[in-house]
Amino acid sequence: MEHLWSPWRMEYIMRNEPTSGCIFCQALQQQDSPANLIVSRGKTAFVILNRYPYTSGHIMVASYAHRPSLDLLDAKTRGEMMELVSRGLQVLRAVYKPEGFNVGVNIGAAAGAGVADHVHIHVVPRWAGDTNFMSTLAGARVLPEALEDTYRRLCEAWEAV
């Protein structure tokens, strides 16, 4: 079992320093790999892992278009985003066997959007009791696997499911 304060964890913290610009637009410019975390690309939208997940398997679906709200996207893009959310639910069920999901969109900073200028849909697998004392008391999340392992598992399943 990996120790809580392993060098891998420090490397993870250090390499993920805040960057300027849109994280979604920047990821789209890179080749798909654990570096950009894009699991799948559609015609108008894509699926990307959340670099700071609430739970293992936390994905986001975003449009290629840099727009702050769903109502500013065309119907084709909104439709593809919902299809990718649906596919994401299937893949996450197959890989992680969650007991439920949170699916949601935060539009605008006042609504809690961390990236307010590029609308995206969160898909978060959930299990009974997955919020524990670490989140409540320490403000920290404990994940059972490395982000790179999550990326590999979801990419493989996206093709297979």
Protein backbone atom coordinates (compact mmCIF):
# COMPACT_ATOMS: atom_id res chain seq x y z
CA MET A 1 0.00 0.00 0.00
CA GLU A 2 1.29 3.44 -0.89
CA HIS A 3 2.17 5.64 2.08
CA LEU A 4 0.10 8.81 2.44
CA TRP A 5 3.15 11.08 2.09
CA SER A 6 4.92 9.28 -0.76
CA PRO A 7 7.14 11.11 -3.29
CA TRP A 8 4.47 10.38 -5.95
CA ARG A 9 1.99 12.54 -4.06
CA MET A 10 4.43 15.45 -3.81
CA GLU A 11 5.19 15.11 -7.55
CA TYR A 12 1.44 15.22 -8.23
CA ILE A 13 1.04 18.39 -6.20
CA MET A 14 4.08 20.11 -7.71
CA ARG A 15 3.31 19.38 -11.36
CA ASN A 16 -0.25 20.63 -11.10
CA GLU A 17 0.48 24.24 -10.30
CA PRO A 18 -2.20 26.67 -11.52
CA THR A 19 -1.86 27.76 -15.12
CA SER A 20 -3.29 30.73 -16.93
CA GLY A 21 -5.89 30.32 -19.66
CA CYS A 22 -8.68 27.83 -20.10
CA ILE A 23 -7.84 24.32 -18.92
CA PHE A 24 -10.27 22.80 -21.43
CA CYS A 25 -8.94 24.72 -24.44
CA GLN A 26 -5.36 23.93 -23.40
CA ALA A 27 -6.13 20.21 -23.06
CA LEU A 28 -7.72 20.17 -26.52
CA GLN A 29 -4.46 21.40 -28.05
CA GLN A 30 -2.50 18.43 -26.68
CA GLN A 31 -2.31 14.82 -27.78
CA ASP A 32 -4.56 12.61 -25.65
CA SER A 33 -2.57 11.05 -22.84
CA PRO A 34 -2.40 11.10 -19.04
CA ALA A 35 -0.96 14.62 -19.42
CA ASN A 36 -4.16 16.16 -20.82
CA LEU A 37 -6.59 13.58 -19.34
CA ILE A 38 -8.95 13.54 -22.36
CA VAL A 39 -10.67 10.16 -22.34
CA SER A 40 -12.69 10.57 -25.55
CA ARG A 41 -13.32 13.16 -28.27
CA GLY A 42 -16.57 13.53 -30.17
CA LYS A 43 -17.39 15.84 -33.06
CA THR A 44 -18.34 18.88 -30.93
CA ALA A 45 -17.58 17.81 -27.35
CA PHE A 46 -15.17 15.70 -25.33
CA VAL A 47 -14.73 13.81 -22.05
CA ILE A 48 -11.92 14.70 -19.66
CA LEU A 49 -10.96 13.52 -16.18
CA ASN A 50 -11.17 16.06 -13.41
CA ARG A 51 -7.57 16.70 -12.29
CA TYR A 52 -8.86 17.29 -8.73
CA PRO A 53 -11.62 14.65 -8.48
CA TYR A 54 -14.21 14.33 -5.75
CA THR A 55 -14.13 10.54 -6.24
CA SER A 56 -12.29 8.13 -8.52
CA GLY A 57 -13.77 8.30 -12.01
CA HIS A 58 -14.92 11.94 -11.76
CA ILE A 59 -15.24 13.03 -15.39
CA MET A 60 -16.35 16.21 -17.09
CA VAL A 61 -17.98 16.65 -20.48
CA ALA A 62 -17.17 19.91 -22.25
CA SER A 63 -17.78 21.42 -25.67
CA TYR A 64 -14.99 22.34 -28.05
CA ALA A 65 -16.57 25.79 -28.18
CA HIS A 66 -15.35 28.12 -25.45
CA ARG A 67 -18.73 29.34 -24.14
CA PRO A 68 -19.79 30.09 -20.55
CA SER A 69 -23.30 28.57 -20.69
CA LEU A 70 -25.23 25.71 -22.26
CA ASP A 71 -27.75 28.07 -23.82
CA LEU A 72 -24.93 29.67 -25.84
CA LEU A 73 -24.13 26.35 -27.55
CA ASP A 74 -25.94 25.02 -30.60
CA ALA A 75 -28.40 22.15 -30.24
CA LYS A 76 -26.03 19.65 -31.88
CA THR A 77 -23.32 20.36 -29.31
CA ARG A 78 -25.73 20.19 -26.36
CA GLY A 79 -27.06 16.90 -27.71
CA GLU A 80 -23.61 15.40 -28.09
CA MET A 81 -22.68 16.52 -24.58
CA MET A 82 -25.70 14.67 -23.17
CA GLU A 83 -24.83 11.56 -25.22
CA LEU A 84 -21.29 11.68 -23.81
CA VAL A 85 -22.71 12.02 -20.28
CA SER A 86 -24.85 8.95 -20.93
CA ARG A 87 -21.88 6.99 -22.31
CA GLY A 88 -19.85 8.13 -19.30
CA LEU A 89 -22.47 6.73 -16.95
CA GLN A 90 -22.27 3.35 -18.74
CA VAL A 91 -18.47 3.27 -18.61
CA LEU A 92 -18.28 4.36 -14.98
CA ARG A 93 -20.86 1.73 -13.99
CA ALA A 94 -18.79 -0.96 -15.73
CA VAL A 95 -15.44 0.14 -14.25
CA TYR A 96 -16.28 1.36 -10.73
CA LYS A 97 -19.69 -0.14 -9.91
CA PRO A 98 -20.91 3.05 -8.15
CA GLU A 99 -24.13 3.08 -6.15
CA GLY A 100 -25.18 6.43 -7.62
CA PHE A 101 -24.05 9.54 -9.49
CA ASN A 102 -24.04 13.29 -9.20
CA VAL A 103 -24.45 14.87 -12.66
CA GLY A 104 -24.47 18.64 -12.82
CA VAL A 105 -23.50 21.92 -14.39
CA ASN A 106 -22.38 25.02 -12.49
CA ILE A 107 -23.04 28.02 -14.73
CA GLY A 108 -21.24 31.14 -13.53
CA ALA A 109 -18.84 31.75 -10.67
CA ALA A 110 -21.74 32.56 -8.30
CA ALA A 111 -23.08 29.03 -8.95
CA GLY A 112 -19.74 27.46 -8.06
CA ALA A 113 -18.15 27.08 -11.50
CA GLY A 114 -14.40 26.75 -11.09
CA VAL A 115 -13.97 27.38 -14.82
CA ALA A 116 -16.82 29.80 -15.41
CA ASP A 117 -15.99 30.75 -18.99
CA HIS A 118 -16.09 27.20 -20.47
CA VAL A 119 -19.26 25.29 -19.62
CA HIS A 120 -18.84 21.65 -18.63
CA ILE A 121 -20.92 18.88 -17.08
CA HIS A 122 -19.60 16.98 -14.06
CA VAL A 123 -20.28 13.24 -13.74
CA VAL A 124 -19.27 12.03 -10.28
CA PRO A 125 -19.62 8.38 -9.25
CA ARG A 126 -20.88 8.02 -5.66
CA TRP A 127 -20.96 5.32 -3.01
CA ALA A 128 -22.73 5.26 0.33
CA GLY A 129 -20.32 6.72 2.90
CA ASP A 130 -17.84 8.09 0.35
CA THR A 131 -17.64 11.36 2.26
CA ASN A 132 -15.63 10.63 5.37
CA PHE A 133 -13.91 12.47 8.20
CA MET A 134 -10.97 13.48 5.96
CA SER A 135 -13.24 15.64 3.80
CA THR A 136 -15.25 16.92 6.72
CA LEU A 137 -12.48 17.68 9.22
CA ALA A 138 -9.30 18.04 7.16
CA GLY A 139 -10.70 19.44 3.92
CA ALA A 140 -8.80 16.69 2.06
CA ARG A 141 -9.92 13.97 -0.32
CA VAL A 142 -8.55 10.45 -0.22
CA LEU A 143 -8.66 8.53 -3.50
CA PRO A 144 -7.90 4.81 -3.80
CA GLU A 145 -5.97 5.08 -7.08
CA ALA A 146 -3.62 7.37 -8.97
CA LEU A 147 -5.13 9.66 -11.60
CA GLU A 148 -3.01 7.95 -14.28
CA ASP A 149 -4.58 4.59 -13.35
CA THR A 150 -8.07 6.10 -13.54
CA TYR A 151 -7.21 7.52 -16.97
CA ARG A 152 -5.96 4.16 -18.26
CA ARG A 153 -8.97 2.25 -16.92
CA LEU A 154 -11.52 4.67 -18.37
CA CYS A 155 -9.83 4.89 -21.77
CA GLU A 156 -9.77 1.10 -22.06
CA ALA A 157 -13.39 0.79 -20.95
CA TRP A 158 -14.56 3.63 -23.23
CA GLU A 159 -13.54 1.49 -26.22
CA ALA A 160 -14.87 -1.77 -24.78
CA VAL A 161 -18.24 -0.89 -23.22
